[in-house]
Amino acid sequence: MPHTLLEYTANVAESPDLQAFWERLHRHLEATAPCRIQDIKSRARRCEDFRMGAGGGHAFVHLTIQLMEGRTPETLAQVGQGALALLREAFPRTLAEREADLTVEIRGMRKDSYFKTTSVKAP
């Protein structure tokens, strides 16, 4: 916990450096959420089949951040605005060269419905 999912259309202008993006995003979440960086799980999906609005070449990038419930609205705003700034840094050509939307959604996860087992490393 937290979990992040980055979804982006195949027509974004750049080949995103996902590892660099996640490095910055994880540091941002550690500082603002707050959470332990080793608990953050991130993944991405490149969408080959998509449609936005009436069609055309519109691109989009959507970041979903799942956090345990209980954070203040101010904390959620700080997390979301900072994450959106990181998306702008990661997809500058898409914003400059395409019709595109970058969006961030923060979802709350209920503690009573999240279950986890962690492996124990042998010495």
N, C-alpha and C. Protein backbone atom coordinates (compact mmCIF):
# COMPACT_ATOMS: atom_id res chain seq x y z
N MET A 1 0.85 -1.15 0.00
CA MET A 1 0.00 0.00 0.00
C MET A 1 0.90 1.22 0.00
N PRO A 2 0.73 2.21 -0.71
CA PRO A 2 -0.26 2.47 -1.74
C PRO A 2 0.01 1.70 -3.03
N HIS A 3 -1.00 1.71 -3.90
CA HIS A 3 -0.88 1.16 -5.24
C HIS A 3 -1.05 2.31 -6.23
N THR A 4 -0.29 2.26 -7.32
CA THR A 4 -0.49 3.23 -8.40
C THR A 4 -0.59 2.49 -9.72
N LEU A 5 -1.46 3.00 -10.57
CA LEU A 5 -1.64 2.45 -11.92
C LEU A 5 -1.60 3.61 -12.90
N LEU A 6 -0.64 3.57 -13.81
CA LEU A 6 -0.51 4.57 -14.86
C LEU A 6 -1.02 3.96 -16.16
N GLU A 7 -2.07 4.56 -16.73
CA GLU A 7 -2.62 4.11 -18.00
C GLU A 7 -2.39 5.22 -19.01
N TYR A 8 -1.86 4.85 -20.19
CA TYR A 8 -1.62 5.87 -21.21
C TYR A 8 -1.90 5.28 -22.59
N THR A 9 -2.37 6.16 -23.48
CA THR A 9 -2.72 5.71 -24.82
C THR A 9 -1.47 5.54 -25.67
N ALA A 10 -1.58 4.66 -26.65
CA ALA A 10 -0.44 4.34 -27.51
C ALA A 10 0.01 5.53 -28.35
N ASN A 11 -0.80 6.57 -28.43
CA ASN A 11 -0.45 7.72 -29.28
C ASN A 11 0.18 8.87 -28.50
N VAL A 12 0.67 8.63 -27.27
CA VAL A 12 1.42 9.69 -26.60
C VAL A 12 2.68 9.95 -27.41
N ALA A 13 3.20 11.16 -27.34
CA ALA A 13 4.31 11.56 -28.21
C ALA A 13 5.65 10.96 -27.80
N GLU A 14 5.82 10.66 -26.54
CA GLU A 14 7.12 10.17 -26.08
C GLU A 14 7.01 8.71 -25.63
N SER A 15 8.16 8.08 -25.52
CA SER A 15 8.23 6.77 -24.86
C SER A 15 8.57 7.08 -23.41
N PRO A 16 7.59 6.98 -22.52
CA PRO A 16 7.84 7.43 -21.16
C PRO A 16 8.89 6.58 -20.45
N ASP A 17 9.74 7.25 -19.68
CA ASP A 17 10.71 6.57 -18.84
C ASP A 17 10.00 6.23 -17.53
N LEU A 18 9.39 5.07 -17.49
CA LEU A 18 8.54 4.71 -16.37
C LEU A 18 9.32 4.56 -15.07
N GLN A 19 10.51 4.02 -15.13
CA GLN A 19 11.30 3.86 -13.90
C GLN A 19 11.64 5.22 -13.30
N ALA A 20 12.00 6.18 -14.13
CA ALA A 20 12.30 7.53 -13.63
C ALA A 20 11.03 8.19 -13.08
N PHE A 21 9.90 8.00 -13.77
CA PHE A 21 8.64 8.55 -13.29
C PHE A 21 8.29 7.97 -11.93
N TRP A 22 8.38 6.63 -11.81
CA TRP A 22 8.04 5.99 -10.54
C TRP A 22 8.98 6.41 -9.42
N GLU A 23 10.25 6.59 -9.73
CA GLU A 23 11.20 7.06 -8.71
C GLU A 23 10.71 8.39 -8.13
N ARG A 24 10.35 9.33 -8.99
CA ARG A 24 9.87 10.64 -8.52
C ARG A 24 8.52 10.51 -7.82
N LEU A 25 7.61 9.70 -8.37
CA LEU A 25 6.30 9.53 -7.77
C LEU A 25 6.40 8.88 -6.39
N HIS A 26 7.22 7.86 -6.26
CA HIS A 26 7.37 7.19 -4.97
C HIS A 26 7.92 8.14 -3.91
N ARG A 27 8.89 8.96 -4.29
CA ARG A 27 9.44 9.96 -3.36
C ARG A 27 8.36 10.96 -2.96
N HIS A 28 7.57 11.38 -3.93
CA HIS A 28 6.47 12.32 -3.66
C HIS A 28 5.47 11.70 -2.69
N LEU A 29 5.07 10.46 -2.92
CA LEU A 29 4.10 9.80 -2.03
C LEU A 29 4.67 9.60 -0.64
N GLU A 30 5.93 9.22 -0.57
CA GLU A 30 6.58 9.04 0.73
C GLU A 30 6.52 10.34 1.54
N ALA A 31 6.73 11.46 0.87
CA ALA A 31 6.77 12.76 1.56
C ALA A 31 5.40 13.33 1.86
N THR A 32 4.41 13.06 1.01
CA THR A 32 3.13 13.75 1.15
C THR A 32 2.00 12.88 1.67
N ALA A 33 2.04 11.57 1.42
CA ALA A 33 0.88 10.72 1.75
C ALA A 33 0.62 10.58 3.25
N PRO A 34 1.56 10.49 4.14
CA PRO A 34 2.87 9.87 4.01
C PRO A 34 2.74 8.34 4.06
N CYS A 35 3.78 7.68 3.56
CA CYS A 35 3.80 6.22 3.57
C CYS A 35 5.25 5.76 3.48
N ARG A 36 5.45 4.48 3.68
CA ARG A 36 6.80 3.92 3.55
C ARG A 36 7.05 3.62 2.08
N ILE A 37 8.17 4.08 1.56
CA ILE A 37 8.45 3.92 0.13
C ILE A 37 8.49 2.44 -0.26
N GLN A 38 8.94 1.57 0.63
CA GLN A 38 9.03 0.14 0.29
C GLN A 38 7.66 -0.51 0.16
N ASP A 39 6.61 0.17 0.58
CA ASP A 39 5.25 -0.38 0.48
C ASP A 39 4.52 0.03 -0.79
N ILE A 40 5.10 0.92 -1.58
CA ILE A 40 4.41 1.43 -2.78
C ILE A 40 4.58 0.44 -3.92
N LYS A 41 3.48 0.13 -4.58
CA LYS A 41 3.47 -0.81 -5.70
C LYS A 41 2.94 -0.08 -6.93
N SER A 42 3.74 -0.03 -7.99
CA SER A 42 3.35 0.72 -9.19
C SER A 42 3.43 -0.16 -10.43
N ARG A 43 2.55 0.14 -11.36
CA ARG A 43 2.53 -0.58 -12.64
C ARG A 43 1.94 0.34 -13.69
N ALA A 44 2.11 -0.06 -14.95
CA ALA A 44 1.61 0.77 -16.06
C ALA A 44 0.92 -0.12 -17.09
N ARG A 45 0.00 0.49 -17.80
CA ARG A 45 -0.68 -0.16 -18.93
C ARG A 45 -0.68 0.80 -20.10
N ARG A 46 -0.11 0.35 -21.20
CA ARG A 46 -0.18 1.10 -22.46
C ARG A 46 -1.44 0.62 -23.17
N CYS A 47 -2.33 1.53 -23.50
CA CYS A 47 -3.62 1.18 -24.10
C CYS A 47 -3.54 1.28 -25.62
N GLU A 48 -3.58 0.15 -26.29
CA GLU A 48 -3.56 0.13 -27.74
C GLU A 48 -4.95 0.41 -28.31
N ASP A 49 -5.96 -0.08 -27.65
CA ASP A 49 -7.35 0.11 -28.08
C ASP A 49 -8.00 1.12 -27.15
N PHE A 50 -8.37 2.26 -27.69
CA PHE A 50 -8.96 3.32 -26.88
C PHE A 50 -9.77 4.25 -27.77
N ARG A 51 -10.59 5.03 -27.17
CA ARG A 51 -11.32 6.09 -27.86
C ARG A 51 -11.60 7.16 -26.83
N MET A 52 -11.44 8.40 -27.23
CA MET A 52 -11.75 9.51 -26.36
C MET A 52 -12.72 10.43 -27.08
N GLY A 53 -13.85 10.69 -26.48
CA GLY A 53 -14.83 11.60 -27.06
C GLY A 53 -15.31 11.13 -28.41
N ALA A 54 -15.29 12.04 -29.39
CA ALA A 54 -15.77 11.75 -30.74
C ALA A 54 -14.73 11.03 -31.59
N GLY A 55 -13.59 10.72 -31.00
CA GLY A 55 -12.54 10.03 -31.75
C GLY A 55 -11.42 10.98 -32.11
N GLY A 56 -10.71 10.65 -33.17
CA GLY A 56 -9.58 11.47 -33.55
C GLY A 56 -8.32 11.02 -32.83
N GLY A 57 -7.34 11.88 -32.80
CA GLY A 57 -6.04 11.52 -32.25
C GLY A 57 -5.82 11.94 -30.82
N HIS A 58 -6.88 12.19 -30.08
CA HIS A 58 -6.75 12.65 -28.70
C HIS A 58 -6.04 11.59 -27.86
N ALA A 59 -5.04 12.01 -27.10
CA ALA A 59 -4.29 11.11 -26.21
C ALA A 59 -4.71 11.37 -24.77
N PHE A 60 -4.49 10.37 -23.92
CA PHE A 60 -4.68 10.63 -22.50
C PHE A 60 -3.74 9.79 -21.66
N VAL A 61 -3.46 10.32 -20.49
CA VAL A 61 -2.66 9.65 -19.47
C VAL A 61 -3.45 9.77 -18.18
N HIS A 62 -3.70 8.64 -17.53
CA HIS A 62 -4.48 8.66 -16.29
C HIS A 62 -3.71 7.91 -15.21
N LEU A 63 -3.52 8.55 -14.08
CA LEU A 63 -2.83 7.94 -12.94
C LEU A 63 -3.84 7.73 -11.82
N THR A 64 -4.00 6.49 -11.41
CA THR A 64 -4.83 6.15 -10.26
C THR A 64 -3.91 5.87 -9.08
N ILE A 65 -4.17 6.52 -7.97
CA ILE A 65 -3.42 6.30 -6.73
C ILE A 65 -4.39 5.78 -5.69
N GLN A 66 -4.11 4.61 -5.16
CA GLN A 66 -4.96 4.03 -4.12
C GLN A 66 -4.24 4.14 -2.78
N LEU A 67 -4.89 4.81 -1.84
CA LEU A 67 -4.35 5.01 -0.49
C LEU A 67 -5.36 4.51 0.53
N MET A 68 -4.87 4.10 1.68
CA MET A 68 -5.78 3.76 2.77
C MET A 68 -6.58 5.00 3.15
N GLU A 69 -7.85 4.81 3.45
CA GLU A 69 -8.71 5.91 3.86
C GLU A 69 -8.18 6.57 5.13
N GLY A 70 -8.61 7.81 5.35
CA GLY A 70 -8.27 8.48 6.59
C GLY A 70 -7.40 9.71 6.42
N ARG A 71 -6.93 9.96 5.22
CA ARG A 71 -6.12 11.15 4.99
C ARG A 71 -7.02 12.37 4.84
N THR A 72 -6.50 13.52 5.21
CA THR A 72 -7.29 14.75 5.16
C THR A 72 -7.47 15.21 3.72
N PRO A 73 -8.49 16.02 3.45
CA PRO A 73 -8.65 16.59 2.11
C PRO A 73 -7.42 17.39 1.68
N GLU A 74 -6.77 18.06 2.61
CA GLU A 74 -5.57 18.83 2.29
C GLU A 74 -4.43 17.91 1.84
N THR A 75 -4.27 16.78 2.53
CA THR A 75 -3.25 15.82 2.14
C THR A 75 -3.55 15.24 0.77
N LEU A 76 -4.80 14.88 0.52
CA LEU A 76 -5.17 14.32 -0.78
C LEU A 76 -4.93 15.34 -1.89
N ALA A 77 -5.22 16.61 -1.64
CA ALA A 77 -4.97 17.65 -2.65
C ALA A 77 -3.48 17.78 -2.92
N GLN A 78 -2.66 17.72 -1.88
CA GLN A 78 -1.21 17.83 -2.06
C GLN A 78 -0.69 16.63 -2.86
N VAL A 79 -1.16 15.44 -2.52
CA VAL A 79 -0.76 14.24 -3.26
C VAL A 79 -1.16 14.37 -4.73
N GLY A 80 -2.42 14.74 -4.98
CA GLY A 80 -2.93 14.81 -6.35
C GLY A 80 -2.28 15.89 -7.19
N GLN A 81 -2.14 17.08 -6.64
CA GLN A 81 -1.52 18.17 -7.41
C GLN A 81 -0.06 17.88 -7.71
N GLY A 82 0.65 17.31 -6.75
CA GLY A 82 2.04 16.95 -6.99
C GLY A 82 2.18 15.85 -8.03
N ALA A 83 1.29 14.87 -7.98
CA ALA A 83 1.32 13.79 -8.97
C ALA A 83 1.01 14.32 -10.37
N LEU A 84 0.07 15.26 -10.47
CA LEU A 84 -0.24 15.86 -11.76
C LEU A 84 0.96 16.63 -12.31
N ALA A 85 1.68 17.32 -11.45
CA ALA A 85 2.90 18.02 -11.88
C ALA A 85 3.93 17.03 -12.41
N LEU A 86 4.04 15.87 -11.77
CA LEU A 86 4.98 14.85 -12.25
C LEU A 86 4.55 14.29 -13.60
N LEU A 87 3.25 14.15 -13.83
CA LEU A 87 2.77 13.72 -15.15
C LEU A 87 3.13 14.75 -16.22
N ARG A 88 2.97 16.03 -15.90
CA ARG A 88 3.33 17.08 -16.87
C ARG A 88 4.81 17.01 -17.21
N GLU A 89 5.66 16.72 -16.22
CA GLU A 89 7.09 16.58 -16.47
C GLU A 89 7.40 15.34 -17.31
N ALA A 90 6.65 14.28 -17.12
CA ALA A 90 6.91 13.01 -17.82
C ALA A 90 6.38 12.99 -19.25
N PHE A 91 5.38 13.83 -19.56
CA PHE A 91 4.75 13.81 -20.88
C PHE A 91 4.71 15.21 -21.51
N PRO A 92 5.85 15.92 -21.57
CA PRO A 92 5.83 17.29 -22.10
C PRO A 92 5.54 17.35 -23.60
N ARG A 93 6.07 16.42 -24.36
CA ARG A 93 5.83 16.43 -25.81
C ARG A 93 4.38 16.14 -26.14
N THR A 94 3.78 15.24 -25.40
CA THR A 94 2.36 14.93 -25.62
C THR A 94 1.52 16.18 -25.41
N LEU A 95 1.80 16.92 -24.34
CA LEU A 95 1.04 18.16 -24.09
C LEU A 95 1.29 19.20 -25.17
N ALA A 96 2.50 19.25 -25.70
CA ALA A 96 2.85 20.27 -26.69
C ALA A 96 2.39 19.91 -28.10
N GLU A 97 2.36 18.62 -28.43
CA GLU A 97 2.15 18.20 -29.82
C GLU A 97 0.79 17.54 -30.10
N ARG A 98 0.05 17.19 -29.08
CA ARG A 98 -1.21 16.47 -29.27
C ARG A 98 -2.32 17.14 -28.47
N GLU A 99 -3.54 16.83 -28.87
CA GLU A 99 -4.66 17.09 -27.97
C GLU A 99 -4.57 15.99 -26.92
N ALA A 100 -4.48 16.38 -25.66
CA ALA A 100 -4.24 15.38 -24.63
C ALA A 100 -4.79 15.83 -23.29
N ASP A 101 -5.18 14.86 -22.49
CA ASP A 101 -5.58 15.08 -21.11
C ASP A 101 -4.67 14.27 -20.20
N LEU A 102 -4.20 14.89 -19.15
CA LEU A 102 -3.48 14.21 -18.08
C LEU A 102 -4.37 14.30 -16.84
N THR A 103 -4.63 13.17 -16.20
CA THR A 103 -5.53 13.18 -15.05
C THR A 103 -4.97 12.31 -13.92
N VAL A 104 -5.37 12.68 -12.70
CA VAL A 104 -5.01 11.92 -11.51
C VAL A 104 -6.28 11.66 -10.72
N GLU A 105 -6.45 10.44 -10.27
CA GLU A 105 -7.57 10.07 -9.41
C GLU A 105 -7.02 9.39 -8.16
N ILE A 106 -7.47 9.84 -7.01
CA ILE A 106 -7.06 9.21 -5.76
C ILE A 106 -8.26 8.46 -5.21
N ARG A 107 -8.04 7.19 -4.94
CA ARG A 107 -9.10 6.34 -4.39
C ARG A 107 -8.73 5.92 -2.97
N GLY A 108 -9.73 5.93 -2.11
CA GLY A 108 -9.52 5.46 -0.75
C GLY A 108 -9.80 3.98 -0.64
N MET A 109 -8.94 3.29 0.07
CA MET A 109 -9.13 1.86 0.31
C MET A 109 -9.51 1.66 1.77
N ARG A 110 -10.50 0.84 2.00
CA ARG A 110 -10.93 0.57 3.37
C ARG A 110 -9.97 -0.41 4.04
N LYS A 111 -9.56 -0.09 5.24
CA LYS A 111 -8.63 -0.96 5.97
C LYS A 111 -9.23 -2.34 6.24
N ASP A 112 -10.55 -2.39 6.42
CA ASP A 112 -11.18 -3.67 6.73
C ASP A 112 -11.38 -4.56 5.51
N SER A 113 -11.02 -4.07 4.32
CA SER A 113 -11.17 -4.89 3.12
C SER A 113 -9.86 -5.01 2.33
N TYR A 114 -8.73 -4.72 2.98
CA TYR A 114 -7.42 -4.87 2.34
C TYR A 114 -6.64 -5.91 3.15
N PHE A 115 -6.14 -6.93 2.47
CA PHE A 115 -5.45 -8.03 3.12
C PHE A 115 -4.08 -8.20 2.47
N LYS A 116 -3.07 -8.56 3.26
CA LYS A 116 -1.71 -8.60 2.74
C LYS A 116 -0.90 -9.65 3.49
N THR A 117 -0.05 -10.35 2.75
CA THR A 117 0.96 -11.22 3.33
C THR A 117 2.29 -10.79 2.73
N THR A 118 3.30 -10.69 3.56
CA THR A 118 4.63 -10.30 3.10
C THR A 118 5.58 -11.46 3.33
N SER A 119 6.44 -11.73 2.35
CA SER A 119 7.41 -12.81 2.50
C SER A 119 8.44 -12.46 3.57
N VAL A 120 9.01 -13.49 4.14
CA VAL A 120 10.06 -13.31 5.13
C VAL A 120 11.34 -13.82 4.49
N LYS A 121 12.33 -12.95 4.38
CA LYS A 121 13.60 -13.36 3.78
C LYS A 121 14.40 -14.21 4.75
N ALA A 122 15.02 -15.26 4.22
CA ALA A 122 15.90 -16.09 5.03
C ALA A 122 17.21 -15.34 5.25
N PRO A 123 17.83 -15.50 6.43
CA PRO A 123 19.11 -14.80 6.69
C PRO A 123 20.23 -15.30 5.83
